[in-house]
N, C-alpha and C. Protein backbone atom coordinates (compact mmCIF):
# COMPACT_ATOMS: atom_id res chain seq x y z
N MET A 1 -10.61 1.20 -8.19
CA MET A 1 -9.76 2.38 -8.25
C MET A 1 -8.64 2.26 -7.21
N GLN A 2 -7.43 2.53 -7.63
CA GLN A 2 -6.28 2.44 -6.73
C GLN A 2 -6.21 3.67 -5.84
N ASP A 3 -5.78 3.46 -4.62
CA ASP A 3 -5.49 4.59 -3.75
C ASP A 3 -4.18 5.21 -4.21
N THR A 4 -4.14 6.52 -4.18
CA THR A 4 -2.91 7.22 -4.53
C THR A 4 -2.73 8.39 -3.58
N THR A 5 -1.53 8.86 -3.53
CA THR A 5 -1.21 10.09 -2.81
C THR A 5 -0.09 10.76 -3.57
N THR A 6 0.13 12.00 -3.29
CA THR A 6 1.27 12.69 -3.90
C THR A 6 2.21 13.11 -2.77
N THR A 7 3.47 13.13 -3.11
CA THR A 7 4.50 13.52 -2.16
C THR A 7 5.59 14.24 -2.94
N THR A 8 6.51 14.79 -2.22
CA THR A 8 7.65 15.46 -2.85
C THR A 8 8.89 14.60 -2.63
N PHE A 9 9.62 14.39 -3.71
CA PHE A 9 10.87 13.66 -3.66
C PHE A 9 11.89 14.43 -4.47
N LYS A 10 12.93 14.91 -3.80
CA LYS A 10 13.97 15.69 -4.46
C LYS A 10 13.37 16.86 -5.23
N GLU A 11 12.49 17.55 -4.54
CA GLU A 11 11.85 18.77 -5.05
C GLU A 11 10.94 18.54 -6.24
N GLN A 12 10.52 17.30 -6.48
CA GLN A 12 9.57 17.00 -7.54
C GLN A 12 8.35 16.32 -6.95
N THR A 13 7.18 16.60 -7.50
CA THR A 13 5.96 15.95 -7.05
C THR A 13 5.89 14.56 -7.66
N VAL A 14 5.65 13.59 -6.80
CA VAL A 14 5.60 12.18 -7.21
C VAL A 14 4.26 11.61 -6.78
N THR A 15 3.64 10.84 -7.66
CA THR A 15 2.42 10.13 -7.30
C THR A 15 2.80 8.75 -6.80
N VAL A 16 2.29 8.40 -5.64
CA VAL A 16 2.51 7.09 -5.04
C VAL A 16 1.21 6.33 -5.17
N LYS A 17 1.25 5.17 -5.83
CA LYS A 17 0.01 4.42 -6.07
C LYS A 17 0.01 3.10 -5.33
N GLU A 18 -1.19 2.64 -5.03
CA GLU A 18 -1.36 1.33 -4.44
C GLU A 18 -1.13 0.29 -5.53
N LEU A 19 -0.37 -0.73 -5.21
CA LEU A 19 -0.07 -1.77 -6.18
C LEU A 19 -1.16 -2.82 -6.20
N THR A 20 -1.31 -3.44 -7.35
CA THR A 20 -2.25 -4.55 -7.47
C THR A 20 -1.60 -5.81 -6.90
N VAL A 21 -2.40 -6.81 -6.66
CA VAL A 21 -1.88 -8.09 -6.18
C VAL A 21 -0.85 -8.63 -7.17
N LYS A 22 -1.15 -8.52 -8.45
CA LYS A 22 -0.23 -9.02 -9.48
C LYS A 22 1.10 -8.28 -9.43
N GLN A 23 1.05 -6.97 -9.27
CA GLN A 23 2.30 -6.20 -9.21
C GLN A 23 3.14 -6.61 -8.00
N VAL A 24 2.49 -6.79 -6.86
CA VAL A 24 3.22 -7.20 -5.66
C VAL A 24 3.82 -8.59 -5.87
N ARG A 25 3.04 -9.51 -6.42
CA ARG A 25 3.54 -10.86 -6.68
C ARG A 25 4.75 -10.82 -7.60
N GLU A 26 4.70 -10.01 -8.65
CA GLU A 26 5.81 -9.92 -9.59
C GLU A 26 7.07 -9.37 -8.92
N VAL A 27 6.90 -8.38 -8.05
CA VAL A 27 8.06 -7.84 -7.33
C VAL A 27 8.65 -8.91 -6.42
N PHE A 28 7.79 -9.66 -5.71
CA PHE A 28 8.31 -10.69 -4.81
C PHE A 28 8.94 -11.85 -5.58
N ASN A 29 8.45 -12.13 -6.76
CA ASN A 29 9.11 -13.13 -7.60
C ASN A 29 10.53 -12.68 -7.94
N ARG A 30 10.69 -11.40 -8.25
CA ARG A 30 12.02 -10.85 -8.53
C ARG A 30 12.90 -10.91 -7.29
N LEU A 31 12.33 -10.56 -6.14
CA LEU A 31 13.10 -10.57 -4.90
C LEU A 31 13.56 -11.97 -4.53
N ASP A 32 12.75 -12.98 -4.87
CA ASP A 32 13.10 -14.37 -4.57
C ASP A 32 14.23 -14.88 -5.46
N THR A 33 14.40 -14.29 -6.65
CA THR A 33 15.39 -14.81 -7.59
C THR A 33 16.62 -13.92 -7.73
N GLU A 34 16.55 -12.69 -7.25
CA GLU A 34 17.68 -11.76 -7.40
C GLU A 34 18.38 -11.56 -6.06
N SER A 35 19.56 -11.05 -6.14
CA SER A 35 20.33 -10.74 -4.93
C SER A 35 19.66 -9.61 -4.15
N VAL A 36 19.92 -9.58 -2.86
CA VAL A 36 19.44 -8.49 -2.04
C VAL A 36 20.11 -7.20 -2.51
N LEU A 37 19.32 -6.16 -2.62
CA LEU A 37 19.86 -4.88 -3.06
C LEU A 37 20.52 -4.16 -1.90
N PHE A 38 21.64 -3.55 -2.16
CA PHE A 38 22.37 -2.79 -1.14
C PHE A 38 21.48 -1.71 -0.53
N ILE A 39 20.69 -1.05 -1.36
CA ILE A 39 19.82 0.03 -0.90
C ILE A 39 18.85 -0.46 0.17
N ASP A 40 18.37 -1.70 0.06
CA ASP A 40 17.44 -2.24 1.05
C ASP A 40 18.13 -2.44 2.40
N ASP A 41 19.36 -2.88 2.38
CA ASP A 41 20.11 -3.03 3.62
C ASP A 41 20.43 -1.67 4.24
N LEU A 42 20.73 -0.71 3.41
CA LEU A 42 21.13 0.61 3.89
C LEU A 42 19.99 1.35 4.56
N ILE A 43 18.84 1.40 3.92
CA ILE A 43 17.76 2.23 4.48
C ILE A 43 16.84 1.48 5.42
N ASP A 44 16.92 0.14 5.45
CA ASP A 44 16.20 -0.68 6.43
C ASP A 44 14.76 -0.21 6.62
N GLN A 45 13.98 -0.24 5.54
CA GLN A 45 12.58 0.16 5.59
C GLN A 45 11.68 -1.06 5.40
N PRO A 46 10.41 -0.96 5.82
CA PRO A 46 9.49 -2.11 5.71
C PRO A 46 9.12 -2.47 4.27
N VAL A 47 9.44 -1.62 3.32
CA VAL A 47 9.16 -1.95 1.92
C VAL A 47 10.46 -1.94 1.13
N PRO A 48 10.69 -2.96 0.31
CA PRO A 48 11.93 -2.99 -0.47
C PRO A 48 11.92 -1.94 -1.58
N ALA A 49 13.10 -1.59 -2.03
CA ALA A 49 13.25 -0.57 -3.07
C ALA A 49 12.45 -0.90 -4.33
N LEU A 50 12.35 -2.18 -4.68
CA LEU A 50 11.60 -2.53 -5.88
C LEU A 50 10.11 -2.22 -5.74
N ILE A 51 9.59 -2.27 -4.53
CA ILE A 51 8.19 -1.86 -4.29
C ILE A 51 8.08 -0.35 -4.48
N VAL A 52 9.08 0.39 -4.01
CA VAL A 52 9.10 1.84 -4.18
C VAL A 52 9.14 2.19 -5.67
N VAL A 53 9.97 1.48 -6.42
CA VAL A 53 10.07 1.70 -7.87
C VAL A 53 8.71 1.47 -8.52
N GLU A 54 8.09 0.35 -8.20
CA GLU A 54 6.81 -0.02 -8.83
C GLU A 54 5.71 0.95 -8.42
N SER A 55 5.71 1.39 -7.19
CA SER A 55 4.66 2.26 -6.68
C SER A 55 4.79 3.70 -7.15
N THR A 56 6.02 4.15 -7.40
CA THR A 56 6.24 5.56 -7.75
C THR A 56 6.65 5.79 -9.19
N GLY A 57 7.19 4.76 -9.83
CA GLY A 57 7.72 4.94 -11.18
C GLY A 57 9.12 5.53 -11.20
N ILE A 58 9.69 5.77 -10.04
CA ILE A 58 11.05 6.32 -9.98
C ILE A 58 12.03 5.17 -10.25
N PRO A 59 12.91 5.33 -11.23
CA PRO A 59 13.85 4.25 -11.55
C PRO A 59 14.77 3.92 -10.36
N LEU A 60 15.16 2.67 -10.25
CA LEU A 60 16.05 2.21 -9.19
C LEU A 60 17.34 3.01 -9.19
N GLU A 61 17.86 3.32 -10.36
CA GLU A 61 19.11 4.07 -10.46
C GLU A 61 18.96 5.44 -9.79
N GLU A 62 17.80 6.07 -9.93
CA GLU A 62 17.58 7.38 -9.30
C GLU A 62 17.48 7.22 -7.77
N LEU A 63 16.82 6.17 -7.33
CA LEU A 63 16.76 5.93 -5.88
C LEU A 63 18.16 5.72 -5.32
N GLU A 64 18.98 4.95 -6.03
CA GLU A 64 20.34 4.67 -5.57
C GLU A 64 21.23 5.91 -5.59
N ALA A 65 20.88 6.90 -6.41
CA ALA A 65 21.65 8.14 -6.49
C ALA A 65 21.14 9.17 -5.47
N SER A 66 20.22 8.76 -4.61
CA SER A 66 19.61 9.67 -3.64
C SER A 66 20.21 9.50 -2.26
N LYS A 67 19.99 10.50 -1.42
CA LYS A 67 20.43 10.43 -0.02
C LYS A 67 19.42 9.59 0.76
N PRO A 68 19.90 8.80 1.72
CA PRO A 68 18.97 8.04 2.56
C PRO A 68 17.91 8.93 3.21
N SER A 69 18.29 10.15 3.59
CA SER A 69 17.33 11.06 4.22
C SER A 69 16.21 11.47 3.26
N ASP A 70 16.43 11.36 1.96
CA ASP A 70 15.35 11.59 0.98
C ASP A 70 14.51 10.34 0.79
N LEU A 71 15.13 9.18 0.93
CA LEU A 71 14.43 7.92 0.66
C LEU A 71 13.48 7.51 1.77
N ILE A 72 13.85 7.76 3.01
CA ILE A 72 13.03 7.29 4.13
C ILE A 72 11.62 7.88 4.11
N PRO A 73 11.45 9.18 3.90
CA PRO A 73 10.08 9.70 3.82
C PRO A 73 9.31 9.14 2.62
N LEU A 74 10.00 8.90 1.51
CA LEU A 74 9.36 8.32 0.33
C LEU A 74 8.88 6.90 0.64
N CYS A 75 9.72 6.12 1.31
CA CYS A 75 9.34 4.76 1.70
C CYS A 75 8.13 4.79 2.62
N SER A 76 8.07 5.75 3.51
CA SER A 76 6.93 5.87 4.42
C SER A 76 5.64 6.13 3.65
N GLU A 77 5.71 6.96 2.63
CA GLU A 77 4.54 7.23 1.80
C GLU A 77 4.10 5.98 1.05
N VAL A 78 5.07 5.24 0.51
CA VAL A 78 4.76 4.00 -0.21
C VAL A 78 4.11 3.00 0.75
N MET A 79 4.64 2.92 1.95
CA MET A 79 4.09 2.01 2.95
C MET A 79 2.67 2.41 3.35
N SER A 80 2.41 3.71 3.45
CA SER A 80 1.07 4.15 3.85
C SER A 80 0.02 3.86 2.78
N VAL A 81 0.42 3.85 1.53
CA VAL A 81 -0.51 3.54 0.44
C VAL A 81 -0.59 2.04 0.18
N ASN A 82 0.41 1.30 0.63
CA ASN A 82 0.48 -0.16 0.44
C ASN A 82 0.65 -0.88 1.78
N PRO A 83 -0.27 -0.69 2.72
CA PRO A 83 -0.08 -1.27 4.06
C PRO A 83 -0.09 -2.79 4.07
N THR A 84 -0.83 -3.40 3.16
CA THR A 84 -0.87 -4.87 3.15
C THR A 84 0.47 -5.45 2.70
N CYS A 85 1.14 -4.76 1.82
CA CYS A 85 2.46 -5.20 1.36
C CYS A 85 3.45 -5.12 2.51
N ALA A 86 3.43 -4.02 3.24
CA ALA A 86 4.32 -3.86 4.38
C ALA A 86 4.02 -4.91 5.44
N SER A 87 2.74 -5.21 5.64
CA SER A 87 2.33 -6.23 6.61
C SER A 87 2.83 -7.61 6.19
N MET A 88 2.75 -7.91 4.90
CA MET A 88 3.23 -9.20 4.40
C MET A 88 4.73 -9.33 4.63
N ILE A 89 5.47 -8.28 4.40
CA ILE A 89 6.91 -8.30 4.61
C ILE A 89 7.21 -8.52 6.10
N ARG A 90 6.48 -7.83 6.97
CA ARG A 90 6.68 -8.00 8.41
C ARG A 90 6.42 -9.45 8.83
N ARG A 91 5.36 -10.07 8.29
CA ARG A 91 5.05 -11.47 8.62
C ARG A 91 6.16 -12.40 8.12
N ARG A 92 6.71 -12.13 6.95
CA ARG A 92 7.80 -12.95 6.44
C ARG A 92 9.05 -12.84 7.31
N ILE A 93 9.33 -11.63 7.77
CA ILE A 93 10.49 -11.42 8.65
C ILE A 93 10.28 -12.16 9.97
N GLU A 94 9.06 -12.07 10.51
CA GLU A 94 8.76 -12.78 11.77
C GLU A 94 8.89 -14.29 11.58
N ALA A 95 8.42 -14.81 10.45
CA ALA A 95 8.52 -16.25 10.18
C ALA A 95 9.98 -16.67 10.06
N ALA A 96 10.79 -15.85 9.39
CA ALA A 96 12.22 -16.16 9.26
C ALA A 96 12.91 -16.13 10.61
N SER A 97 12.54 -15.18 11.45
CA SER A 97 13.13 -15.11 12.79
C SER A 97 12.74 -16.32 13.62
N GLU A 98 11.50 -16.74 13.50
CA GLU A 98 11.05 -17.93 14.23
C GLU A 98 11.77 -19.17 13.73
N LEU A 99 11.95 -19.29 12.43
CA LEU A 99 12.68 -20.44 11.88
C LEU A 99 14.12 -20.44 12.38
N LYS A 100 14.74 -19.29 12.43
CA LYS A 100 16.11 -19.20 12.95
C LYS A 100 16.15 -19.63 14.41
N ARG A 101 15.17 -19.19 15.20
CA ARG A 101 15.11 -19.58 16.61
C ARG A 101 14.98 -21.09 16.74
N ILE A 102 14.12 -21.70 15.92
CA ILE A 102 13.91 -23.15 15.96
C ILE A 102 15.20 -23.88 15.58
N LEU A 103 15.87 -23.40 14.53
CA LEU A 103 17.11 -24.04 14.10
C LEU A 103 18.20 -23.94 15.16
N LEU A 104 18.30 -22.78 15.81
CA LEU A 104 19.29 -22.62 16.86
C LEU A 104 18.96 -23.51 18.06
N SER A 105 17.68 -23.66 18.34
CA SER A 105 17.25 -24.53 19.43
C SER A 105 17.59 -25.99 19.11
N ALA A 106 17.33 -26.39 17.88
CA ALA A 106 17.63 -27.77 17.45
C ALA A 106 19.14 -28.01 17.50
N LYS A 107 19.90 -27.01 17.12
CA LYS A 107 21.36 -27.15 17.17
C LYS A 107 21.82 -27.36 18.60
N GLY A 108 21.23 -26.64 19.54
CA GLY A 108 21.58 -26.77 20.94
C GLY A 108 21.22 -28.13 21.50
N LEU A 109 20.11 -28.71 21.02
CA LEU A 109 19.68 -30.02 21.50
C LEU A 109 20.56 -31.15 20.97
N THR A 110 20.99 -31.02 19.73
CA THR A 110 21.77 -32.11 19.11
C THR A 110 23.27 -31.90 19.22
N GLY A 111 23.67 -30.67 19.49
CA GLY A 111 25.10 -30.38 19.55
C GLY A 111 25.74 -30.36 18.17
N GLN A 112 24.92 -30.41 17.13
CA GLN A 112 25.44 -30.40 15.76
C GLN A 112 25.22 -29.03 15.15
N SER A 113 26.02 -28.74 14.15
CA SER A 113 25.81 -27.50 13.42
C SER A 113 24.64 -27.67 12.48
N VAL A 114 23.85 -26.62 12.35
CA VAL A 114 22.66 -26.67 11.48
C VAL A 114 22.89 -25.79 10.29
């Protein structure tokens, strides 16, 4: 049984559900092949908008037509029901930061651009 919670988004009750491993994998496959969404850069939350779409059923177009102040609490609810997904994203960000640090260090050692 999936964990769920209900929340209010733009004065409507929304059910936020825990995603299955397959659903998370499918979203990350899309994220790996598609451009970064503007909404993800704008609201800077631990879960990407596509995870919010999958978890809530709210279409991406509706999320994009919303105020950031409405999206942030919704993202928090999605993250609370999908903590492993948020943790995976945090680990990926940390790994990317470490790789960047290593590349910058190597550039400094060789004097070449990386």
